Protein backbone atom coordinates (compact mmCIF):
# COMPACT_ATOMS: atom_id res chain seq x y z
CA MET A 1 22.09 -13.16 -11.45
CA LYS A 2 23.00 -16.55 -10.16
CA ARG A 3 24.94 -18.61 -12.55
CA ILE A 4 22.57 -20.79 -14.28
CA SER A 5 23.41 -24.48 -13.29
CA LEU A 6 21.71 -26.17 -16.66
CA PRO A 7 23.75 -29.42 -15.93
CA ARG A 8 21.96 -30.31 -13.03
CA GLU A 9 18.23 -28.97 -14.29
CA VAL A 10 18.22 -30.85 -17.39
CA ASP A 11 15.78 -33.47 -18.06
CA PRO A 12 17.59 -37.15 -17.27
CA LYS A 13 15.48 -38.50 -20.37
CA LEU A 14 17.23 -35.71 -22.54
CA LYS A 15 20.93 -36.72 -21.41
CA GLY A 16 22.95 -37.96 -24.12
CA LEU A 17 20.35 -37.30 -27.07
CA ARG A 18 22.14 -35.38 -29.76
CA ASP A 19 19.21 -32.99 -31.05
CA SER A 20 18.76 -32.09 -26.97
CA ALA A 21 22.05 -29.68 -27.09
CA GLN A 22 19.68 -26.87 -29.14
CA ASP A 23 16.63 -28.01 -27.24
CA ILE A 24 18.21 -26.93 -23.96
CA LEU A 25 20.40 -23.61 -25.52
CA ASP A 26 17.37 -22.19 -26.74
CA LYS A 27 15.40 -23.01 -23.44
CA CYS A 28 18.17 -21.41 -21.53
CA ALA A 29 18.32 -18.14 -24.41
CA GLY A 30 14.59 -17.77 -23.72
CA GLN A 31 14.50 -17.78 -20.16
CA MET A 32 17.14 -15.05 -20.08
CA MET A 33 15.58 -12.93 -22.53
CA GLY A 34 12.67 -13.05 -20.24
CA GLU A 35 14.50 -12.02 -17.08
CA ILE A 36 16.35 -9.24 -19.09
CA GLU A 37 12.47 -8.11 -20.02
CA GLN A 38 11.76 -8.01 -16.68
CA GLY A 39 14.77 -5.76 -15.57
CA LEU A 40 17.52 -8.01 -14.89
CA GLU A 41 20.78 -5.66 -15.46
CA LYS A 42 23.43 -7.72 -17.42
CA HIS A 43 26.73 -5.76 -19.26
CA TYR A 44 24.37 -7.17 -22.61
CA LYS A 45 21.46 -5.63 -23.43
CA SER A 46 19.84 -8.36 -25.57
CA ILE A 47 20.36 -11.79 -26.38
CA LEU A 48 21.96 -12.73 -29.61
CA ASN A 49 20.96 -15.90 -31.30
CA VAL A 50 22.68 -17.22 -34.06
CA SER A 51 21.84 -21.27 -33.64
CA SER A 52 19.55 -21.29 -36.75
CA ALA A 53 19.09 -19.92 -40.06
CA ASP A 54 16.39 -17.81 -39.90
CA PHE A 55 17.24 -14.50 -41.71
CA HIS A 56 14.04 -12.33 -40.71
CA LYS A 57 14.08 -13.10 -37.17
CA MET A 58 18.07 -11.89 -37.12
CA GLY A 59 16.76 -8.84 -38.76
CA ILE A 60 17.04 -9.25 -42.15
CA LYS A 61 14.56 -7.94 -44.17
CA PRO A 62 11.96 -9.83 -46.52
CA ILE A 63 12.66 -8.82 -50.06
CA THR A 64 9.83 -6.21 -50.87
CA PHE A 65 8.88 -7.57 -54.60
CA VAL A 66 8.14 -11.01 -52.73
CA ARG A 67 5.52 -9.49 -49.97
CA GLN A 68 4.17 -6.92 -52.89
CA VAL A 69 3.32 -10.14 -54.78
CA LEU A 70 2.15 -11.99 -52.10
CA ALA A 71 0.40 -8.85 -50.27
CA ALA A 72 -1.65 -8.88 -53.86
CA CYS A 73 -2.33 -12.34 -53.84
CA PHE A 74 -3.56 -13.08 -50.31
CA TYR A 75 -6.15 -9.98 -50.71
CA PRO A 76 -6.94 -8.94 -54.10
CA SER A 77 -8.25 -5.56 -53.44
CA LEU A 78 -4.33 -4.56 -53.90
CA LEU A 79 -4.42 -5.67 -57.82
CA ASN A 80 -5.98 -1.79 -58.07
CA ASP A 81 -3.76 -0.16 -55.05
CA GLU A 82 -1.28 2.40 -57.34
CA ARG A 83 0.87 2.03 -54.43
CA LEU A 84 2.33 -1.06 -55.59
CA PRO A 85 4.00 -1.41 -58.58
CA LEU A 86 2.61 -2.12 -61.76
CA ASP A 87 4.76 -5.34 -62.40
CA ALA A 88 4.14 -6.74 -58.93
CA ARG A 89 -0.01 -6.42 -59.17
CA GLU A 90 0.27 -7.82 -62.81
CA ARG A 91 2.13 -11.05 -61.53
CA ALA A 92 0.01 -11.50 -58.71
CA ARG A 93 -2.98 -10.83 -61.15
CA ARG A 94 -1.61 -13.49 -63.20
CA ILE A 95 -1.39 -16.15 -60.31
CA LEU A 96 -4.66 -15.47 -59.11
CA GLY A 97 -5.97 -15.93 -63.11
CA THR A 98 -4.07 -19.80 -62.93
CA CYS A 99 -6.40 -20.32 -59.09
CA ALA A 100 -9.74 -21.98 -59.23
CA GLY A 101 -11.89 -19.10 -58.27
CA GLY A 102 -9.35 -16.84 -58.88
CA SER A 103 -8.54 -17.45 -55.10
CA ILE A 104 -5.34 -18.92 -53.57
CA GLY A 105 -7.55 -20.54 -50.44
CA SER A 106 -8.56 -22.97 -53.47
CA TYR A 107 -6.71 -26.16 -53.73
CA THR A 108 -4.41 -26.86 -56.14
CA VAL A 109 -2.55 -30.26 -57.93
CA ALA A 110 -0.42 -32.53 -56.15
CA ARG A 111 2.70 -31.52 -58.48
CA GLY A 112 1.45 -27.77 -57.95
CA ILE A 113 -0.30 -25.19 -60.17
CA LYS A 114 0.91 -25.95 -63.72
CA GLU A 115 1.88 -22.37 -64.24
CA LEU A 116 4.23 -22.20 -61.28
CA HIS A 117 5.30 -25.66 -61.81
CA ALA A 118 6.58 -24.41 -65.45
CA SER A 119 9.05 -21.73 -63.45
CA ILE A 120 10.95 -24.52 -61.94
CA CYS A 121 11.05 -26.58 -65.74
CA ASP A 122 12.50 -23.17 -67.58
CA PHE A 123 14.75 -22.82 -64.35
CA ILE A 124 16.80 -26.04 -64.48
CA THR A 125 16.44 -25.70 -68.02
CA LYS A 126 18.46 -22.54 -67.94
CA ARG A 127 20.51 -23.63 -65.13
CA ASP A 128 21.69 -27.49 -66.32
CA GLY A 129 20.90 -27.21 -69.98
CA VAL A 130 18.62 -30.10 -69.66
CA VAL A 131 15.49 -29.96 -70.38
CA PRO A 132 12.88 -31.67 -67.26
CA ASP A 133 10.40 -34.24 -67.20
CA PRO A 134 7.01 -31.82 -65.47
CA ASP A 135 6.06 -34.80 -64.63
CA ASN A 136 8.84 -35.58 -62.40
CA ILE A 137 8.95 -32.29 -60.04
CA TYR A 138 7.18 -32.05 -57.31
CA MET A 139 6.21 -28.51 -54.98
CA THR A 140 6.62 -29.14 -51.62
CA ASN A 141 6.13 -27.93 -48.16
CA GLY A 142 9.84 -26.94 -47.87
CA SER A 143 12.65 -29.22 -48.30
CA GLN A 144 12.39 -30.90 -44.47
CA THR A 145 8.90 -32.49 -45.47
CA ALA A 146 10.25 -33.42 -49.14
CA LEU A 147 13.38 -35.13 -47.36
CA ILE A 148 10.75 -36.95 -44.65
CA MET A 149 8.78 -37.68 -47.72
CA VAL A 150 11.56 -39.36 -49.59
CA LEU A 151 12.46 -41.38 -47.09
CA LYS A 152 9.22 -42.77 -46.54
CA LEU A 153 9.42 -43.97 -50.23
CA LEU A 154 12.78 -45.57 -49.74
CA VAL A 155 13.61 -46.65 -46.21
CA LEU A 156 12.29 -50.31 -45.75
CA SER A 157 11.87 -51.15 -42.15
CA GLU A 158 11.06 -54.40 -42.56
CA GLY A 159 12.74 -57.89 -43.16
CA SER A 160 16.30 -58.99 -42.35
CA LEU A 161 18.23 -56.24 -43.19
CA LYS A 162 17.19 -52.71 -42.36
CA THR A 163 17.81 -50.36 -45.54
CA GLY A 164 20.96 -47.86 -44.75
CA VAL A 165 21.35 -44.50 -46.02
CA LEU A 166 24.67 -42.92 -45.77
CA SER A 167 24.46 -39.07 -44.23
CA PRO A 168 27.45 -36.87 -44.34
CA VAL A 169 29.06 -36.08 -40.63
CA PRO A 170 28.38 -33.06 -39.68
CA SER A 171 24.74 -32.79 -41.40
CA TYR A 172 21.12 -32.40 -40.30
CA SER A 173 20.28 -33.94 -37.08
CA THR A 174 16.35 -33.94 -38.36
CA PHE A 175 17.57 -35.59 -41.34
CA ASN A 176 18.79 -38.65 -39.32
CA MET A 177 16.01 -38.67 -37.07
CA GLY A 178 13.58 -39.12 -39.93
CA VAL A 179 16.10 -42.42 -41.04
CA GLU A 180 15.40 -44.02 -37.88
CA ALA A 181 12.26 -42.42 -37.08
CA HIS A 182 10.97 -44.74 -40.59
CA GLY A 183 13.07 -47.51 -39.62
CA GLY A 184 16.07 -46.85 -41.29
CA ILE A 185 20.04 -47.11 -40.08
CA VAL A 186 22.30 -44.19 -40.30
CA VAL A 187 25.46 -44.82 -42.24
CA PRO A 188 27.71 -42.13 -40.89
CA TYR A 189 30.37 -40.61 -43.54
CA TYR A 190 32.81 -38.13 -42.62
CA LEU A 191 33.63 -35.04 -44.46
CA SER A 192 37.38 -34.19 -44.39
CA GLU A 193 37.86 -30.93 -42.10
CA GLU A 194 41.38 -30.92 -42.77
CA GLN A 195 40.71 -30.69 -46.57
CA GLY A 196 37.95 -27.80 -45.96
CA TRP A 197 34.68 -30.13 -45.36
CA SER A 198 35.48 -32.51 -48.72
CA ILE A 199 33.49 -35.46 -49.56
CA GLN A 200 36.61 -38.23 -49.84
CA LEU A 201 35.27 -41.11 -52.36
CA LYS A 202 38.11 -43.48 -49.49
CA GLU A 203 35.38 -42.67 -46.47
CA LEU A 204 32.31 -43.44 -48.86
CA CYS A 205 34.02 -46.77 -49.39
CA ARG A 206 34.36 -47.38 -45.65
CA ALA A 207 31.18 -46.57 -44.72
CA VAL A 208 29.15 -48.42 -47.58
CA HIS A 209 31.63 -51.52 -46.96
CA THR A 210 31.20 -51.24 -43.01
CA ALA A 211 27.61 -50.76 -43.34
CA ARG A 212 26.90 -54.11 -45.26
CA MET A 213 27.29 -56.27 -42.17
CA GLN A 214 24.09 -54.64 -40.21
CA CYS A 215 22.36 -53.29 -42.99
CA ASN A 216 21.43 -53.10 -47.13
CA PRO A 217 22.59 -49.48 -47.98
CA MET A 218 20.90 -48.35 -50.79
CA VAL A 219 20.81 -44.51 -50.48
CA LEU A 220 23.73 -41.71 -50.53
CA TYR A 221 22.99 -38.37 -48.80
CA VAL A 222 24.88 -35.19 -49.97
CA ILE A 223 24.36 -31.49 -49.23
CA ASN A 224 26.02 -29.27 -51.36
CA PRO A 225 26.48 -26.67 -50.76
CA GLY A 226 27.47 -27.82 -47.46
CA SER A 227 25.87 -27.34 -44.42
CA PRO A 228 26.83 -26.33 -41.77
CA THR A 229 30.39 -26.91 -43.31
CA GLY A 230 30.08 -24.33 -46.05
CA HIS A 231 31.96 -26.43 -48.18
CA VAL A 232 31.22 -26.26 -52.29
CA GLN A 233 31.71 -29.37 -54.10
CA SER A 234 33.54 -29.01 -57.47
CA LYS A 235 32.56 -30.20 -60.73
CA ASP A 236 34.63 -33.24 -60.25
CA SER A 237 34.03 -33.93 -56.82
CA ILE A 238 30.17 -34.55 -58.05
CA ALA A 239 31.20 -36.89 -60.76
CA GLU A 240 33.35 -38.73 -58.41
CA VAL A 241 30.49 -39.34 -55.89
CA ILE A 242 27.79 -40.01 -58.76
CA ARG A 243 30.38 -43.14 -60.22
CA PHE A 244 30.46 -44.34 -56.66
CA ALA A 245 27.04 -44.02 -56.77
CA ALA A 246 26.53 -46.13 -60.08
CA GLU A 247 29.30 -48.69 -58.44
CA GLU A 248 27.58 -49.65 -55.33
CA ASN A 249 24.09 -49.24 -56.59
CA LEU A 250 23.32 -46.29 -54.54
CA PHE A 251 20.02 -44.02 -54.95
CA LEU A 252 21.49 -40.32 -54.48
CA MET A 253 19.49 -37.59 -51.75
CA VAL A 254 20.53 -34.14 -53.28
CA ASP A 255 19.86 -31.57 -50.61
CA GLU A 256 21.08 -28.28 -52.83
CA VAL A 257 18.74 -25.74 -51.16
CA HIS A 258 21.60 -23.46 -50.55
CA GLN A 259 22.89 -23.50 -54.19
CA ASP A 260 22.08 -19.75 -54.90
CA MET A 261 24.75 -18.97 -51.60
CA VAL A 262 28.14 -19.59 -52.99
CA TYR A 263 30.75 -16.60 -52.71
CA GLY A 264 33.80 -18.08 -51.98
CA LYS A 265 36.67 -17.21 -54.10
CA GLY A 266 37.21 -19.97 -57.08
CA SER A 267 34.02 -21.98 -56.02
CA GLU A 268 31.53 -22.61 -58.53
CA PHE A 269 27.90 -24.03 -57.86
CA TYR A 270 27.06 -27.84 -60.51
CA SER A 271 23.82 -29.26 -59.75
CA TYR A 272 23.74 -32.97 -59.66
CA ARG A 273 21.51 -32.64 -62.42
CA ARG A 274 23.49 -31.03 -64.55
CA VAL A 275 27.09 -32.94 -63.81
CA LEU A 276 25.10 -36.21 -64.49
CA SER A 277 23.81 -35.04 -67.71
CA GLU A 278 27.43 -33.83 -68.86
CA MET A 279 28.78 -37.46 -68.07
CA GLY A 280 26.89 -39.06 -70.22
CA PRO A 281 25.61 -42.76 -70.74
CA PRO A 282 25.40 -44.90 -69.30
CA TYR A 283 25.64 -43.16 -65.70
CA SER A 284 23.01 -40.04 -67.37
CA SER A 285 20.53 -42.51 -68.15
CA THR A 286 20.69 -44.92 -65.09
CA ILE A 287 21.71 -42.86 -62.10
CA GLU A 288 18.57 -42.87 -59.80
CA LEU A 289 18.43 -39.26 -57.90
CA VAL A 290 16.38 -36.82 -56.38
CA SER A 291 17.15 -32.90 -55.75
CA PHE A 292 15.70 -30.55 -53.17
CA ASN A 293 15.59 -27.03 -53.48
CA SER A 294 13.70 -24.43 -51.14
CA ILE A 295 12.62 -21.11 -50.11
CA SER A 296 14.15 -20.72 -46.47
CA LYS A 297 18.13 -21.23 -46.89
CA THR A 298 18.09 -19.18 -50.31
CA VAL A 299 18.54 -15.11 -50.31
CA LEU A 300 14.71 -14.86 -50.13
CA GLY A 301 15.05 -16.63 -46.60
CA GLU A 302 11.18 -16.87 -46.62
CA CYS A 303 11.57 -19.85 -43.70
CA GLY A 304 7.68 -19.76 -42.33
CA LEU A 305 6.50 -19.93 -46.00
CA ARG A 306 7.82 -23.22 -46.07
CA GLY A 307 8.08 -23.64 -50.18
CA GLY A 308 10.62 -26.08 -52.03
CA TYR A 309 10.37 -28.36 -54.72
CA LEU A 310 11.78 -31.53 -55.64
CA GLU A 311 13.08 -33.60 -59.21
CA PHE A 312 13.64 -37.11 -59.55
CA VAL A 313 15.71 -38.20 -62.35
CA ASN A 314 15.85 -42.05 -63.83
CA LEU A 315 13.16 -43.54 -62.17
CA ASP A 316 11.90 -46.68 -63.52
CA PRO A 317 8.72 -45.59 -65.38
CA LEU A 318 6.35 -48.31 -63.35
CA VAL A 319 7.33 -46.60 -60.44
CA ILE A 320 6.13 -43.03 -61.24
CA PRO A 321 2.44 -43.66 -61.04
CA TYR A 322 3.04 -44.99 -57.65
CA ILE A 323 5.11 -41.88 -56.83
CA HIS A 324 2.12 -39.60 -58.24
CA LYS A 325 0.00 -41.44 -56.01
CA PHE A 326 1.50 -41.12 -52.56
CA PHE A 327 2.21 -37.59 -53.23
CA SER A 328 -1.04 -36.99 -54.11
CA THR A 329 -2.47 -38.83 -50.46
CA VAL A 330 0.63 -37.53 -48.62
CA THR A 331 0.11 -33.53 -48.61
CA TRP A 332 -0.19 -30.82 -51.53
CA ALA A 333 2.31 -27.51 -51.23
CA SER A 334 0.60 -24.54 -49.49
CA LEU A 335 -0.34 -22.24 -52.43
CA GLY A 336 1.90 -19.36 -50.30
CA GLY A 337 5.03 -21.33 -50.61
CA GLN A 338 4.42 -22.18 -54.38
CA ILE A 339 4.01 -18.62 -55.09
CA ALA A 340 7.24 -17.70 -53.05
CA VAL A 341 8.64 -20.70 -55.17
CA ASP A 342 7.57 -19.06 -58.48
CA LEU A 343 8.89 -15.33 -57.02
CA MET A 344 12.70 -16.72 -56.17
CA LEU A 345 12.97 -18.61 -59.47
CA ASN A 346 11.40 -16.05 -61.83
CA PRO A 347 12.51 -12.45 -60.23
CA PRO A 348 12.06 -9.16 -62.00
CA LYS A 349 13.57 -8.84 -65.57
CA PRO A 350 15.44 -5.66 -66.19
CA ASN A 351 12.91 -3.69 -68.04
CA GLN A 352 10.65 -4.35 -65.07
CA SER A 353 9.64 -1.15 -62.57
CA SER A 354 10.56 -3.85 -59.45
CA TYR A 355 13.92 -4.71 -60.50
CA GLU A 356 15.96 -1.97 -59.61
CA LEU A 357 14.93 -2.14 -55.46
CA TYR A 358 14.88 -6.13 -56.11
CA SER A 359 18.68 -6.15 -57.44
CA GLN A 360 19.89 -3.68 -54.85
CA GLU A 361 18.10 -5.80 -51.50
CA ILE A 362 19.28 -9.07 -53.07
CA GLY A 363 23.19 -7.79 -53.39
CA SER A 364 22.57 -6.00 -50.04
CA ILE A 365 22.01 -9.76 -48.53
CA ARG A 366 24.20 -11.60 -50.40
CA SER A 367 27.00 -8.65 -49.75
CA ALA A 368 26.23 -9.59 -46.12
CA ILE A 369 26.58 -12.99 -46.12
CA ARG A 370 29.80 -12.95 -48.18
CA ASN A 371 31.70 -10.04 -45.44
CA ASN A 372 30.05 -11.71 -42.44
CA ALA A 373 31.92 -15.18 -43.47
CA GLN A 374 35.12 -13.57 -44.63
CA LYS A 375 34.87 -11.49 -41.21
CA ILE A 376 34.25 -14.69 -38.92
CA LEU A 377 37.72 -16.29 -40.84
CA GLU A 378 39.90 -12.90 -40.08
CA VAL A 379 39.00 -13.08 -36.26
CA LEU A 380 39.08 -16.65 -35.43
CA SER A 381 42.40 -16.56 -37.58
CA ASP A 382 43.93 -14.91 -34.40
CA LEU A 383 42.43 -16.47 -31.62
CA PRO A 384 44.49 -19.14 -29.56
CA GLY A 385 42.32 -22.52 -29.33
CA ILE A 386 39.98 -21.84 -32.11
CA SER A 387 40.52 -22.31 -36.25
CA CYS A 388 37.68 -22.57 -38.61
CA GLN A 389 37.90 -23.57 -42.60
CA PRO A 390 36.92 -21.33 -45.57
CA VAL A 391 33.50 -20.86 -45.95
CA ASN A 392 32.71 -21.18 -49.44
CA GLY A 393 29.00 -21.09 -49.86
CA GLY A 394 25.78 -21.68 -47.47
CA ILE A 395 25.07 -19.35 -44.45
CA PHE A 396 27.11 -21.04 -41.68
CA ALA A 397 30.60 -21.61 -40.48
CA PHE A 398 31.59 -23.91 -38.44
CA PRO A 399 34.79 -23.51 -36.34
CA ARG A 400 36.45 -25.78 -34.31
CA LEU A 401 37.35 -25.73 -30.67
CA HIS A 402 40.97 -26.99 -29.73
CA LEU A 403 39.85 -27.61 -26.07
CA SER A 404 41.92 -28.37 -23.38
CA GLN A 405 41.87 -31.58 -20.88
CA SER A 406 40.65 -29.71 -17.71
CA ALA A 407 37.79 -27.81 -19.97
CA ILE A 408 36.86 -31.45 -20.97
CA LYS A 409 37.00 -32.68 -17.88
CA HIS A 410 34.61 -30.19 -16.01
CA ALA A 411 32.38 -31.22 -19.15
CA GLU A 412 32.05 -34.63 -17.99
CA GLU A 413 31.92 -34.35 -14.55
CA ASN A 414 29.08 -32.02 -15.47
CA GLN A 415 27.36 -35.42 -17.91
CA LEU A 416 27.47 -32.63 -21.05
CA GLU A 417 29.02 -32.65 -24.01
CA PRO A 418 32.16 -30.34 -23.97
CA ASP A 419 31.20 -27.77 -26.86
CA LEU A 420 27.65 -27.95 -25.18
CA LEU A 421 29.51 -26.71 -22.05
CA TYR A 422 31.22 -23.90 -23.74
CA CYS A 423 27.62 -22.90 -25.19
CA LEU A 424 26.52 -22.49 -22.34
CA ARG A 425 28.25 -20.24 -21.05
CA LEU A 426 29.06 -18.02 -23.83
CA LEU A 427 25.26 -17.79 -23.58
CA GLU A 428 25.04 -16.95 -19.48
CA ASP A 429 28.56 -14.71 -19.87
CA GLU A 430 27.59 -13.18 -23.24
CA GLY A 431 24.34 -13.77 -23.86
CA LEU A 432 25.41 -14.89 -27.48
CA CYS A 433 23.81 -18.39 -28.12
CA VAL A 434 25.28 -20.21 -30.92
CA GLY A 435 24.33 -23.65 -32.54
CA ALA A 436 26.84 -27.14 -30.73
CA GLY A 437 28.32 -29.32 -32.82
CA CYS A 438 27.29 -32.08 -30.76
CA VAL A 439 24.20 -31.84 -32.65
CA HIS A 440 25.80 -31.91 -36.36
CA GLY A 441 27.76 -34.86 -35.56
CA GLN A 442 31.15 -34.66 -35.47
CA LYS A 443 34.51 -36.79 -35.24
CA VAL A 444 35.13 -38.36 -31.84
CA GLU A 445 37.35 -35.72 -29.66
CA THR A 446 36.27 -32.93 -32.03
CA TYR A 447 34.27 -29.68 -31.06
CA HIS A 448 32.79 -27.16 -32.77
CA ILE A 449 30.13 -24.37 -32.84
CA ARG A 450 27.32 -23.40 -35.44
CA ILE A 451 27.01 -19.31 -36.07
CA CYS A 452 24.60 -18.27 -38.69
CA LEU A 453 26.43 -15.98 -41.48
CA ALA A 454 22.67 -14.21 -42.63
CA MET A 455 22.68 -11.05 -40.34
CA GLN A 456 23.74 -7.46 -40.88
CA GLU A 457 27.42 -6.76 -40.41
CA GLU A 458 26.88 -4.64 -37.42
CA THR A 459 25.15 -7.53 -36.05
CA MET A 460 28.24 -9.64 -36.55
CA LYS A 461 30.61 -7.24 -35.62
CA ASP A 462 28.66 -7.75 -31.94
CA VAL A 463 28.83 -11.56 -32.15
CA LEU A 464 32.04 -12.10 -33.07
CA GLN A 465 32.92 -9.04 -30.00
CA ARG A 466 31.06 -10.66 -27.83
CA LEU A 467 32.72 -14.35 -28.86
CA LYS A 468 36.32 -13.17 -28.80
CA GLY A 469 36.12 -11.40 -25.23
CA PHE A 470 34.15 -15.18 -23.63
CA HIS A 471 36.90 -17.38 -25.38
CA LEU A 472 40.01 -15.48 -24.36
CA ARG A 473 38.67 -15.66 -20.75
CA PHE A 474 37.03 -19.55 -21.31
CA ILE A 475 41.19 -20.80 -22.67
CA LYS A 476 42.46 -18.88 -19.32
CA GLU A 477 39.89 -20.60 -16.85
CA PHE A 478 40.92 -23.93 -18.46
CA PRO A 479 44.26 -23.48 -19.75
């Protein structure tokens, strides 16, 4: 097989666009998989795509209880099928009893079905020690949809100064694209890689004060646990960010979709909602924030069902009716996603028949991700030219490539970002597709790759074996 000369085949319109890097990698991976399926012989038998957080695509099995309840909701004849556990059938029967006409094909109210909505309130109360206002909680079609909807509310594209949104680097490229699509200005603040990808107050101050020369910074976007960095904020760090938001009069958008994936030694998840409440007045009664959660990036890994929720805190009472009207007219959460959210937040109890299997499956997934994070650190620490900060939470590792000048020059000659060149060569030589750091943002003259951790441990061994072999050859080729 001839070497894939992607630099020559890339659409010129895409060159230089951050988000195009992943498109290029996905297109190349699909092309190579098709060739292997048609009989092309390679020293590897399949393409391993570990660039995105798709649990089930990577071979992690869905949680049995979740699928059993969903199956009975979609096909009520199963309510009488004793092959399903009694508690799964009872949960499905109870859910259907809340639906108009007893069918999940019915419309729901904008905030979500009341009984399912109550699970969110109970979860927040147990997690934070604060009883939330149900009127401030909305069930959504996943976190991406929720983030974009909130941006529509906050970003002003008209007037002499556009709205500035402080966004971490690295971050989600789709969030930044959403800011720009709605006429806002992305204001980058750089996480400190040398200090475990932590948020630094000095950097936040630099970002907001620099931004005021070109826009009106009004929003601070935070991801905790960090993605793709794996950093977990401490309680003190969260309080520091809240005080900064108060001083600069910033609205907090807090992405907490990885909150049930914290496994680093000494790490613990604290929600911004909880820390804000414990700080007391004036912060607890004045800081405006919205927090997000989702079924896609939790241990359930139900990406395709598209379910999540958001909670507004401390909004002006005069604004709340407008928010409700906006959410009522824009979109309603799919009922399948709402059900999955309920199952995520209200799993089987110890005295129920599904509890043992549910606990085993959840524990197995958590263990695999934790062990995969540790294995990456162990393997990469022994390799020259690559390093990785500790991964304490989330489902990604974000190793740094220390590339030689000859490798960087070769990439420039091919009109590619150096880390994208590395990823393309890795895909071609080893059939391993990882994410390029240029997609998520990084400091100038630093280069990274993104590896998903949500896979079976045997698969991770294969991933690291392919990566190690390629990397040693690459740094030999470009010393």
